[in-house]
Amino acid sequence: MTQYMTAEDLFAHVQKMPSKERIKFFSLIAINAFQDNDYNHEQVFGHLRNATFSAEEAAEFLEISLTTLRRYVQAGRLKPTSIIGRNQLFSSADLKLLKQKINKE
């Protein structure tokens, strides 16, 4: 079983450090701890590239009501990639394109 140091234990150890070591410690935290906070689009949404979304999820992504989404489908602005029973699924690529068009309107 892996045992981790608690925040209180760490704080006690930091207090006991010589001031030069404390400076080095906090410098390391400042430089390294938060380096990878600037994620690119691929890192955040890459796993959704080939995903499909339900009508509810699609409406939420497009920031429209489910009724408006249904109107878009009836008008041919958006086509489901598959239909399972009464459920329509939409591709992320189609939703992304439609969102860009909606934002330009």
PDB file of N, CA and C in Angstrom:
ATOM      1  N   MET A   1       0.840  -1.180   0.000  1.00  0.00           N
ATOM      2  CA  MET A   1       0.000   0.000   0.000  1.00  0.00           C
ATOM      3  C   MET A   1       0.883   1.241   0.000  1.00  0.00           C
ATOM      4  N   THR A   2       0.631   2.148  -0.913  1.00  0.00           N
ATOM      5  CA  THR A   2       1.399   3.384  -1.002  1.00  0.00           C
ATOM      6  C   THR A   2       0.880   4.372   0.029  1.00  0.00           C
ATOM      7  N   GLN A   3       1.821   4.941   0.776  1.00  0.00           N
ATOM      8  CA  GLN A   3       1.415   5.916   1.776  1.00  0.00           C
ATOM      9  C   GLN A   3       1.908   7.284   1.331  1.00  0.00           C
ATOM     10  N   TYR A   4       1.020   8.245   1.347  1.00  0.00           N
ATOM     11  CA  TYR A   4       1.341   9.588   0.903  1.00  0.00           C
ATOM     12  C   TYR A   4       1.479  10.520   2.094  1.00  0.00           C
ATOM     13  N   MET A   5       2.289  11.529   1.894  1.00  0.00           N
ATOM     14  CA  MET A   5       2.458  12.561   2.905  1.00  0.00           C
ATOM     15  C   MET A   5       1.226  13.461   2.885  1.00  0.00           C
ATOM     16  N   THR A   6       0.733  13.813   4.034  1.00  0.00           N
ATOM     17  CA  THR A   6      -0.414  14.715   4.092  1.00  0.00           C
ATOM     18  C   THR A   6       0.053  16.150   3.876  1.00  0.00           C
ATOM     19  N   ALA A   7      -0.884  17.019   3.599  1.00  0.00           N
ATOM     20  CA  ALA A   7      -0.560  18.438   3.420  1.00  0.00           C
ATOM     21  C   ALA A   7       0.045  19.011   4.693  1.00  0.00           C
ATOM     22  N   GLU A   8      -0.471  18.581   5.841  1.00  0.00           N
ATOM     23  CA  GLU A   8       0.063  19.069   7.117  1.00  0.00           C
ATOM     24  C   GLU A   8       1.503  18.620   7.318  1.00  0.00           C
ATOM     25  N   ASP A   9       1.803  17.351   6.962  1.00  0.00           N
ATOM     26  CA  ASP A   9       3.175  16.848   7.074  1.00  0.00           C
ATOM     27  C   ASP A   9       4.114  17.631   6.166  1.00  0.00           C
ATOM     28  N   LEU A  10       3.678  17.863   4.946  1.00  0.00           N
ATOM     29  CA  LEU A  10       4.497  18.617   4.003  1.00  0.00           C
ATOM     30  C   LEU A  10       4.766  20.023   4.526  1.00  0.00           C
ATOM     31  N   PHE A  11       3.740  20.662   5.034  1.00  0.00           N
ATOM     32  CA  PHE A  11       3.893  22.013   5.576  1.00  0.00           C
ATOM     33  C   PHE A  11       4.898  22.019   6.728  1.00  0.00           C
ATOM     34  N   ALA A  12       4.820  21.012   7.600  1.00  0.00           N
ATOM     35  CA  ALA A  12       5.766  20.922   8.721  1.00  0.00           C
ATOM     36  C   ALA A  12       7.192  20.758   8.209  1.00  0.00           C
ATOM     37  N   HIS A  13       7.381  19.942   7.172  1.00  0.00           N
ATOM     38  CA  HIS A  13       8.716  19.756   6.593  1.00  0.00           C
ATOM     39  C   HIS A  13       9.224  21.043   5.948  1.00  0.00           C
ATOM     40  N   VAL A  14       8.356  21.741   5.264  1.00  0.00           N
ATOM     41  CA  VAL A  14       8.755  22.999   4.618  1.00  0.00           C
ATOM     42  C   VAL A  14       9.172  24.018   5.669  1.00  0.00           C
ATOM     43  N   GLN A  15       8.459  24.057   6.774  1.00  0.00           N
ATOM     44  CA  GLN A  15       8.810  24.997   7.843  1.00  0.00           C
ATOM     45  C   GLN A  15      10.191  24.708   8.416  1.00  0.00           C
ATOM     46  N   LYS A  16      10.593  23.443   8.428  1.00  0.00           N
ATOM     47  CA  LYS A  16      11.891  23.055   8.985  1.00  0.00           C
ATOM     48  C   LYS A  16      13.040  23.262   7.999  1.00  0.00           C
ATOM     49  N   MET A  17      12.741  23.494   6.744  1.00  0.00           N
ATOM     50  CA  MET A  17      13.787  23.673   5.725  1.00  0.00           C
ATOM     51  C   MET A  17      14.560  24.961   5.966  1.00  0.00           C
ATOM     52  N   PRO A  18      15.857  24.936   5.613  1.00  0.00           N
ATOM     53  CA  PRO A  18      16.604  26.200   5.620  1.00  0.00           C
ATOM     54  C   PRO A  18      15.997  27.138   4.571  1.00  0.00           C
ATOM     55  N   SER A  19      16.153  28.417   4.754  1.00  0.00           N
ATOM     56  CA  SER A  19      15.500  29.390   3.865  1.00  0.00           C
ATOM     57  C   SER A  19      15.914  29.216   2.407  1.00  0.00           C
ATOM     58  N   LYS A  20      17.168  28.866   2.134  1.00  0.00           N
ATOM     59  CA  LYS A  20      17.604  28.670   0.742  1.00  0.00           C
ATOM     60  C   LYS A  20      16.870  27.491   0.102  1.00  0.00           C
ATOM     61  N   GLU A  21      16.665  26.439   0.875  1.00  0.00           N
ATOM     62  CA  GLU A  21      15.939  25.278   0.353  1.00  0.00           C
ATOM     63  C   GLU A  21      14.468  25.612   0.121  1.00  0.00           C
ATOM     64  N   ARG A  22      13.891  26.405   1.013  1.00  0.00           N
ATOM     65  CA  ARG A  22      12.498  26.835   0.825  1.00  0.00           C
ATOM     66  C   ARG A  22      12.354  27.635  -0.459  1.00  0.00           C
ATOM     67  N   ILE A  23      13.300  28.524  -0.716  1.00  0.00           N
ATOM     68  CA  ILE A  23      13.271  29.328  -1.943  1.00  0.00           C
ATOM     69  C   ILE A  23      13.336  28.406  -3.157  1.00  0.00           C
ATOM     70  N   LYS A  24      14.242  27.418  -3.131  1.00  0.00           N
ATOM     71  CA  LYS A  24      14.354  26.469  -4.244  1.00  0.00           C
ATOM     72  C   LYS A  24      13.057  25.664  -4.405  1.00  0.00           C
ATOM     73  N   PHE A  25      12.483  25.244  -3.277  1.00  0.00           N
ATOM     74  CA  PHE A  25      11.255  24.452  -3.303  1.00  0.00           C
ATOM     75  C   PHE A  25      10.114  25.216  -3.964  1.00  0.00           C
ATOM     76  N   PHE A  26       9.899  26.451  -3.529  1.00  0.00           N
ATOM     77  CA  PHE A  26       8.802  27.233  -4.094  1.00  0.00           C
ATOM     78  C   PHE A  26       9.086  27.659  -5.531  1.00  0.00           C
ATOM     79  N   SER A  27      10.352  27.815  -5.868  1.00  0.00           N
ATOM     80  CA  SER A  27      10.703  28.100  -7.267  1.00  0.00           C
ATOM     81  C   SER A  27      10.350  26.910  -8.151  1.00  0.00           C
ATOM     82  N   LEU A  28      10.658  25.713  -7.671  1.00  0.00           N
ATOM     83  CA  LEU A  28      10.309  24.503  -8.429  1.00  0.00           C
ATOM     84  C   LEU A  28       8.803  24.392  -8.626  1.00  0.00           C
ATOM     85  N   ILE A  29       8.055  24.686  -7.587  1.00  0.00           N
ATOM     86  CA  ILE A  29       6.593  24.643  -7.706  1.00  0.00           C
ATOM     87  C   ILE A  29       6.118  25.670  -8.723  1.00  0.00           C
ATOM     88  N   ALA A  30       6.626  26.882  -8.621  1.00  0.00           N
ATOM     89  CA  ALA A  30       6.193  27.950  -9.529  1.00  0.00           C
ATOM     90  C   ALA A  30       6.529  27.624 -10.976  1.00  0.00           C
ATOM     91  N   ILE A  31       7.667  27.019 -11.202  1.00  0.00           N
ATOM     92  CA  ILE A  31       8.107  26.735 -12.573  1.00  0.00           C
ATOM     93  C   ILE A  31       7.422  25.494 -13.146  1.00  0.00           C
ATOM     94  N   ASN A  32       7.289  24.446 -12.347  1.00  0.00           N
ATOM     95  CA  ASN A  32       6.867  23.148 -12.879  1.00  0.00           C
ATOM     96  C   ASN A  32       5.428  22.737 -12.614  1.00  0.00           C
ATOM     97  N   ALA A  33       4.860  23.147 -11.537  1.00  0.00           N
ATOM     98  CA  ALA A  33       3.571  22.596 -11.128  1.00  0.00           C
ATOM     99  C   ALA A  33       2.428  22.938 -12.067  1.00  0.00           C
ATOM    100  N   PHE A  34       2.458  24.096 -12.670  1.00  0.00           N
ATOM    101  CA  PHE A  34       1.310  24.537 -13.462  1.00  0.00           C
ATOM    102  C   PHE A  34       1.674  24.769 -14.922  1.00  0.00           C
ATOM    103  N   GLN A  35       2.693  24.101 -15.394  1.00  0.00           N
ATOM    104  CA  GLN A  35       3.171  24.309 -16.757  1.00  0.00           C
ATOM    105  C   GLN A  35       2.165  23.939 -17.825  1.00  0.00           C
ATOM    106  N   ASP A  36       1.467  22.835 -17.668  1.00  0.00           N
ATOM    107  CA  ASP A  36       0.646  22.304 -18.757  1.00  0.00           C
ATOM    108  C   ASP A  36      -0.817  22.728 -18.637  1.00  0.00           C
ATOM    109  N   ASN A  37      -1.061  23.955 -18.222  1.00  0.00           N
ATOM    110  CA  ASN A  37      -2.436  24.431 -18.112  1.00  0.00           C
ATOM    111  C   ASN A  37      -2.976  24.975 -19.423  1.00  0.00           C
ATOM    112  N   ASP A  38      -2.125  25.276 -20.368  1.00  0.00           N
ATOM    113  CA  ASP A  38      -2.568  25.818 -21.645  1.00  0.00           C
ATOM    114  C   ASP A  38      -2.734  24.678 -22.645  1.00  0.00           C
ATOM    115  N   TYR A  39      -3.873  24.014 -22.564  1.00  0.00           N
ATOM    116  CA  TYR A  39      -4.140  22.892 -23.450  1.00  0.00           C
ATOM    117  C   TYR A  39      -4.623  23.407 -24.797  1.00  0.00           C
ATOM    118  N   ASN A  40      -4.228  22.714 -25.861  1.00  0.00           N
ATOM    119  CA  ASN A  40      -4.731  23.092 -27.175  1.00  0.00           C
ATOM    120  C   ASN A  40      -6.043  22.350 -27.444  1.00  0.00           C
ATOM    121  N   HIS A  41      -6.682  22.711 -28.510  1.00  0.00           N
ATOM    122  CA  HIS A  41      -7.985  22.134 -28.860  1.00  0.00           C
ATOM    123  C   HIS A  41      -7.901  20.614 -28.979  1.00  0.00           C
ATOM    124  N   GLU A  42      -6.843  20.122 -29.586  1.00  0.00           N
ATOM    125  CA  GLU A  42      -6.680  18.683 -29.793  1.00  0.00           C
ATOM    126  C   GLU A  42      -6.580  17.939 -28.463  1.00  0.00           C
ATOM    127  N   GLN A  43      -5.844  18.500 -27.497  1.00  0.00           N
ATOM    128  CA  GLN A  43      -5.700  17.853 -26.198  1.00  0.00           C
ATOM    129  C   GLN A  43      -7.037  17.773 -25.456  1.00  0.00           C
ATOM    130  N   VAL A  44      -7.857  18.777 -25.606  1.00  0.00           N
ATOM    131  CA  VAL A  44      -9.125  18.811 -24.879  1.00  0.00           C
ATOM    132  C   VAL A  44     -10.209  18.009 -25.593  1.00  0.00           C
ATOM    133  N   PHE A  45     -10.322  18.173 -26.905  1.00  0.00           N
ATOM    134  CA  PHE A  45     -11.444  17.590 -27.637  1.00  0.00           C
ATOM    135  C   PHE A  45     -11.048  16.507 -28.635  1.00  0.00           C
ATOM    136  N   GLY A  46      -9.782  16.143 -28.709  1.00  0.00           N
ATOM    137  CA  GLY A  46      -9.318  15.165 -29.689  1.00  0.00           C
ATOM    138  C   GLY A  46     -10.037  13.831 -29.617  1.00  0.00           C
ATOM    139  N   HIS A  47     -10.363  13.397 -28.406  1.00  0.00           N
ATOM    140  CA  HIS A  47     -11.039  12.106 -28.248  1.00  0.00           C
ATOM    141  C   HIS A  47     -12.475  12.135 -28.769  1.00  0.00           C
ATOM    142  N   LEU A  48     -13.002  13.321 -29.065  1.00  0.00           N
ATOM    143  CA  LEU A  48     -14.378  13.441 -29.563  1.00  0.00           C
ATOM    144  C   LEU A  48     -14.454  13.565 -31.084  1.00  0.00           C
ATOM    145  N   ARG A  49     -13.316  13.481 -31.753  1.00  0.00           N
ATOM    146  CA  ARG A  49     -13.272  13.711 -33.199  1.00  0.00           C
ATOM    147  C   ARG A  49     -14.265  12.837 -33.959  1.00  0.00           C
ATOM    148  N   ASN A  50     -14.354  11.572 -33.606  1.00  0.00           N
ATOM    149  CA  ASN A  50     -15.245  10.648 -34.315  1.00  0.00           C
ATOM    150  C   ASN A  50     -16.467  10.269 -33.486  1.00  0.00           C
ATOM    151  N   ALA A  51     -16.759  11.046 -32.476  1.00  0.00           N
ATOM    152  CA  ALA A  51     -17.875  10.742 -31.577  1.00  0.00           C
ATOM    153  C   ALA A  51     -19.205  11.146 -32.201  1.00  0.00           C
ATOM    154  N   THR A  52     -20.249  10.508 -31.716  1.00  0.00           N
ATOM    155  CA  THR A  52     -21.604  10.908 -32.096  1.00  0.00           C
ATOM    156  C   THR A  52     -22.331  11.382 -30.846  1.00  0.00           C
ATOM    157  N   PHE A  53     -23.289  12.273 -31.054  1.00  0.00           N
ATOM    158  CA  PHE A  53     -24.008  12.886 -29.952  1.00  0.00           C
ATOM    159  C   PHE A  53     -25.505  12.691 -30.120  1.00  0.00           C
ATOM    160  N   SER A  54     -26.185  12.513 -29.009  1.00  0.00           N
ATOM    161  CA  SER A  54     -27.646  12.408 -29.037  1.00  0.00           C
ATOM    162  C   SER A  54     -28.227  13.775 -29.386  1.00  0.00           C
ATOM    163  N   ALA A  55     -29.513  13.807 -29.658  1.00  0.00           N
ATOM    164  CA  ALA A  55     -30.173  15.077 -29.987  1.00  0.00           C
ATOM    165  C   ALA A  55     -30.050  16.061 -28.828  1.00  0.00           C
ATOM    166  N   GLU A  56     -30.221  15.576 -27.612  1.00  0.00           N
ATOM    167  CA  GLU A  56     -30.110  16.452 -26.439  1.00  0.00           C
ATOM    168  C   GLU A  56     -28.707  17.033 -26.317  1.00  0.00           C
ATOM    169  N   GLU A  57     -27.692  16.180 -26.496  1.00  0.00           N
ATOM    170  CA  GLU A  57     -26.304  16.642 -26.418  1.00  0.00           C
ATOM    171  C   GLU A  57     -25.987  17.618 -27.545  1.00  0.00           C
ATOM    172  N   ALA A  58     -26.504  17.320 -28.739  1.00  0.00           N
ATOM    173  CA  ALA A  58     -26.277  18.200 -29.887  1.00  0.00           C
ATOM    174  C   ALA A  58     -26.890  19.574 -29.647  1.00  0.00           C
ATOM    175  N   ALA A  59     -28.109  19.604 -29.133  1.00  0.00           N
ATOM    176  CA  ALA A  59     -28.775  20.882 -28.847  1.00  0.00           C
ATOM    177  C   ALA A  59     -27.991  21.672 -27.804  1.00  0.00           C
ATOM    178  N   GLU A  60     -27.501  20.981 -26.788  1.00  0.00           N
ATOM    179  CA  GLU A  60     -26.712  21.663 -25.751  1.00  0.00           C
ATOM    180  C   GLU A  60     -25.427  22.233 -26.343  1.00  0.00           C
ATOM    181  N   PHE A  61     -24.741  21.449 -27.185  1.00  0.00           N
ATOM    182  CA  PHE A  61     -23.514  21.918 -27.822  1.00  0.00           C
ATOM    183  C   PHE A  61     -23.780  23.138 -28.695  1.00  0.00           C
ATOM    184  N   LEU A  62     -24.882  23.098 -29.450  1.00  0.00           N
ATOM    185  CA  LEU A  62     -25.212  24.199 -30.356  1.00  0.00           C
ATOM    186  C   LEU A  62     -25.824  25.393 -29.627  1.00  0.00           C
ATOM    187  N   GLU A  63     -26.150  25.191 -28.346  1.00  0.00           N
ATOM    188  CA  GLU A  63     -26.775  26.242 -27.531  1.00  0.00           C
ATOM    189  C   GLU A  63     -28.126  26.665 -28.114  1.00  0.00           C
ATOM    190  N   ILE A  64     -28.896  25.648 -28.485  1.00  0.00           N
ATOM    191  CA  ILE A  64     -30.245  25.860 -29.009  1.00  0.00           C
ATOM    192  C   ILE A  64     -31.185  24.899 -28.288  1.00  0.00           C
ATOM    193  N   SER A  65     -32.471  25.128 -28.434  1.00  0.00           N
ATOM    194  CA  SER A  65     -33.439  24.220 -27.815  1.00  0.00           C
ATOM    195  C   SER A  65     -33.539  22.942 -28.644  1.00  0.00           C
ATOM    196  N   LEU A  66     -34.073  21.911 -28.022  1.00  0.00           N
ATOM    197  CA  LEU A  66     -34.292  20.653 -28.725  1.00  0.00           C
ATOM    198  C   LEU A  66     -35.279  20.846 -29.871  1.00  0.00           C
ATOM    199  N   THR A  67     -36.265  21.708 -29.675  1.00  0.00           N
ATOM    200  CA  THR A  67     -37.243  22.018 -30.723  1.00  0.00           C
ATOM    201  C   THR A  67     -36.553  22.646 -31.927  1.00  0.00           C
ATOM    202  N   THR A  68     -35.644  23.580 -31.684  1.00  0.00           N
ATOM    203  CA  THR A  68     -34.910  24.217 -32.783  1.00  0.00           C
ATOM    204  C   THR A  68     -34.036  23.194 -33.499  1.00  0.00           C
ATOM    205  N   LEU A  69     -33.419  22.296 -32.751  1.00  0.00           N
ATOM    206  CA  LEU A  69     -32.612  21.241 -33.368  1.00  0.00           C
ATOM    207  C   LEU A  69     -33.484  20.401 -34.294  1.00  0.00           C
ATOM    208  N   ARG A  70     -34.661  20.036 -33.834  1.00  0.00           N
ATOM    209  CA  ARG A  70     -35.583  19.247 -34.671  1.00  0.00           C
ATOM    210  C   ARG A  70     -35.972  20.018 -35.939  1.00  0.00           C
ATOM    211  N   ARG A  71     -36.163  21.322 -35.808  1.00  0.00           N
ATOM    212  CA  ARG A  71     -36.465  22.148 -36.993  1.00  0.00           C
ATOM    213  C   ARG A  71     -35.291  22.136 -37.969  1.00  0.00           C
ATOM    214  N   TYR A  72     -34.075  22.236 -37.454  1.00  0.00           N
ATOM    215  CA  TYR A  72     -32.887  22.191 -38.316  1.00  0.00           C
ATOM    216  C   TYR A  72     -32.819  20.866 -39.073  1.00  0.00           C
ATOM    217  N   VAL A  73     -33.165  19.776 -38.405  1.00  0.00           N
ATOM    218  CA  VAL A  73     -33.156  18.464 -39.053  1.00  0.00           C
ATOM    219  C   VAL A  73     -34.228  18.416 -40.138  1.00  0.00           C
ATOM    220  N   GLN A  74     -35.438  18.889 -39.825  1.00  0.00           N
ATOM    221  CA  GLN A  74     -36.524  18.897 -40.819  1.00  0.00           C
ATOM    222  C   GLN A  74     -36.174  19.767 -42.015  1.00  0.00           C
ATOM    223  N   ALA A  75     -35.489  20.881 -41.786  1.00  0.00           N
ATOM    224  CA  ALA A  75     -35.131  21.799 -42.869  1.00  0.00           C
ATOM    225  C   ALA A  75     -33.896  21.330 -43.638  1.00  0.00           C
ATOM    226  N   GLY A  76     -33.227  20.292 -43.155  1.00  0.00           N
ATOM    227  CA  GLY A  76     -32.048  19.785 -43.843  1.00  0.00           C
ATOM    228  C   GLY A  76     -30.752  20.489 -43.477  1.00  0.00           C
ATOM    229  N   ARG A  77     -30.783  21.358 -42.486  1.00  0.00           N
ATOM    230  CA  ARG A  77     -29.555  22.043 -42.051  1.00  0.00           C
ATOM    231  C   ARG A  77     -28.621  21.094 -41.314  1.00  0.00           C
ATOM    232  N   LEU A  78     -29.183  20.042 -40.751  1.00  0.00           N
ATOM    233  CA  LEU A  78     -28.407  19.056 -39.998  1.00  0.00           C
ATOM    234  C   LEU A  78     -29.000  17.686 -40.269  1.00  0.00           C
ATOM    235  N   LYS A  79     -28.135  16.732 -40.572  1.00  0.00           N
ATOM    236  CA  LYS A  79     -28.602  15.373 -40.846  1.00  0.00           C
ATOM    237  C   LYS A  79     -28.014  14.432 -39.801  1.00  0.00           C
ATOM    238  N   PRO A  80     -28.855  13.558 -39.265  1.00  0.00           N
ATOM    239  CA  PRO A  80     -28.317  12.578 -38.317  1.00  0.00           C
ATOM    240  C   PRO A  80     -27.395  11.602 -39.037  1.00  0.00           C
ATOM    241  N   THR A  81     -26.322  11.196 -38.370  1.00  0.00           N
ATOM    242  CA  THR A  81     -25.422  10.209 -38.975  1.00  0.00           C
ATOM    243  C   THR A  81     -25.981   8.806 -38.829  1.00  0.00           C
ATOM    244  N   SER A  82     -26.803   8.615 -37.799  1.00  0.00           N
ATOM    245  CA  SER A  82     -27.481   7.326 -37.651  1.00  0.00           C
ATOM    246  C   SER A  82     -28.745   7.513 -36.826  1.00  0.00           C
ATOM    247  N   ILE A  83     -29.648   6.582 -37.033  1.00  0.00           N
ATOM    248  CA  ILE A  83     -30.910   6.592 -36.290  1.00  0.00           C
ATOM    249  C   ILE A  83     -31.063   5.216 -35.663  1.00  0.00           C
ATOM    250  N   ILE A  84     -31.225   5.208 -34.352  1.00  0.00           N
ATOM    251  CA  ILE A  84     -31.402   3.959 -33.620  1.00  0.00           C
ATOM    252  C   ILE A  84     -32.759   4.037 -32.938  1.00  0.00           C
ATOM    253  N   GLY A  85     -33.702   3.280 -33.468  1.00  0.00           N
ATOM    254  CA  GLY A  85     -35.071   3.386 -32.963  1.00  0.00           C
ATOM    255  C   GLY A  85     -35.594   4.782 -33.257  1.00  0.00           C
ATOM    256  N   ARG A  86     -35.969   5.501 -32.212  1.00  0.00           N
ATOM    257  CA  ARG A  86     -36.439   6.883 -32.378  1.00  0.00           C
ATOM    258  C   ARG A  86     -35.338   7.895 -32.079  1.00  0.00           C
ATOM    259  N   ASN A  87     -34.150   7.400 -31.771  1.00  0.00           N
ATOM    260  CA  ASN A  87     -33.042   8.282 -31.392  1.00  0.00           C
ATOM    261  C   ASN A  87     -32.161   8.610 -32.585  1.00  0.00           C
ATOM    262  N   GLN A  88     -31.886   9.883 -32.748  1.00  0.00           N
ATOM    263  CA  GLN A  88     -31.000  10.343 -33.806  1.00  0.00           C
ATOM    264  C   GLN A  88     -29.642  10.677 -33.198  1.00  0.00           C
ATOM    265  N   LEU A  89     -28.583  10.285 -33.901  1.00  0.00           N
ATOM    266  CA  LEU A  89     -27.222  10.599 -33.470  1.00  0.00           C
ATOM    267  C   LEU A  89     -26.576  11.500 -34.510  1.00  0.00           C
ATOM    268  N   PHE A  90     -25.783  12.455 -34.041  1.00  0.00           N
ATOM    269  CA  PHE A  90     -25.177  13.458 -34.908  1.00  0.00           C
ATOM    270  C   PHE A  90     -23.663  13.430 -34.746  1.00  0.00           C
ATOM    271  N   SER A  91     -22.952  13.600 -35.855  1.00  0.00           N
ATOM    272  CA  SER A  91     -21.490  13.575 -35.796  1.00  0.00           C
ATOM    273  C   SER A  91     -20.953  14.890 -35.240  1.00  0.00           C
ATOM    274  N   SER A  92     -19.835  14.785 -34.554  1.00  0.00           N
ATOM    275  CA  SER A  92     -19.215  15.986 -33.985  1.00  0.00           C
ATOM    276  C   SER A  92     -18.766  16.939 -35.090  1.00  0.00           C
ATOM    277  N   ALA A  93     -18.325  16.397 -36.231  1.00  0.00           N
ATOM    278  CA  ALA A  93     -17.880  17.256 -37.338  1.00  0.00           C
ATOM    279  C   ALA A  93     -19.043  18.080 -37.888  1.00  0.00           C
ATOM    280  N   ASP A  94     -20.205  17.437 -38.073  1.00  0.00           N
ATOM    281  CA  ASP A  94     -21.384  18.159 -38.570  1.00  0.00           C
ATOM    282  C   ASP A  94     -21.835  19.228 -37.575  1.00  0.00           C
ATOM    283  N   LEU A  95     -21.795  18.886 -36.297  1.00  0.00           N
ATOM    284  CA  LEU A  95     -22.203  19.849 -35.265  1.00  0.00           C
ATOM    285  C   LEU A  95     -21.253  21.042 -35.223  1.00  0.00           C
ATOM    286  N   LYS A  96     -19.980  20.764 -35.374  1.00  0.00           N
ATOM    287  CA  LYS A  96     -18.981  21.843 -35.359  1.00  0.00           C
ATOM    288  C   LYS A  96     -19.204  22.804 -36.527  1.00  0.00           C
ATOM    289  N   LEU A  97     -19.457  22.251 -37.708  1.00  0.00           N
ATOM    290  CA  LEU A  97     -19.714  23.091 -38.885  1.00  0.00           C
ATOM    291  C   LEU A  97     -20.975  23.929 -38.711  1.00  0.00           C
ATOM    292  N   LEU A  98     -22.030  23.307 -38.206  1.00  0.00           N
ATOM    293  CA  LEU A  98     -23.279  24.039 -38.007  1.00  0.00           C
ATOM    294  C   LEU A  98     -23.111  25.129 -36.956  1.00  0.00           C
ATOM    295  N   LYS A  99     -22.360  24.838 -35.910  1.00  0.00           N
ATOM    296  CA  LYS A  99     -22.138  25.853 -34.870  1.00  0.00           C
ATOM    297  C   LYS A  99     -21.413  27.062 -35.457  1.00  0.00           C
ATOM    298  N   GLN A 100     -20.449  26.818 -36.324  1.00  0.00           N
ATOM    299  CA  GLN A 100     -19.740  27.929 -36.974  1.00  0.00           C
ATOM    300  C   GLN A 100     -20.706  28.756 -37.813  1.00  0.00           C
ATOM    301  N   LYS A 101     -21.606  28.089 -38.542  1.00  0.00           N
ATOM    302  CA  LYS A 101     -22.594  28.808 -39.356  1.00  0.00           C
ATOM    303  C   LYS A 101     -23.543  29.613 -38.482  1.00  0.00           C
ATOM    304  N   ILE A 102     -23.998  29.014 -37.393  1.00  0.00           N
ATOM    305  CA  ILE A 102     -24.918  29.707 -36.482  1.00  0.00           C
ATOM    306  C   ILE A 102     -24.245  30.943 -35.892  1.00  0.00           C
ATOM    307  N   ASN A 103     -22.993  30.807 -35.524  1.00  0.00           N
ATOM    308  CA  ASN A 103     -22.270  31.936 -34.919  1.00  0.00           C
ATOM    309  C   ASN A 103     -22.049  33.085 -35.896  1.00  0.00           C
ATOM    310  N   LYS A 104     -22.027  32.775 -37.199  1.00  0.00           N
ATOM    311  CA  LYS A 104     -21.851  33.827 -38.214  1.00  0.00           C
ATOM    312  C   LYS A 104     -23.153  34.556 -38.510  1.00  0.00           C
ATOM    313  N   GLU A 105     -24.289  33.924 -38.198  1.00  0.00           N
ATOM    314  CA  GLU A 105     -25.602  34.521 -38.510  1.00  0.00           C
ATOM    315  C   GLU A 105     -25.881  35.730 -37.656  1.00  0.00           C
TER     316      GLU A 105
END
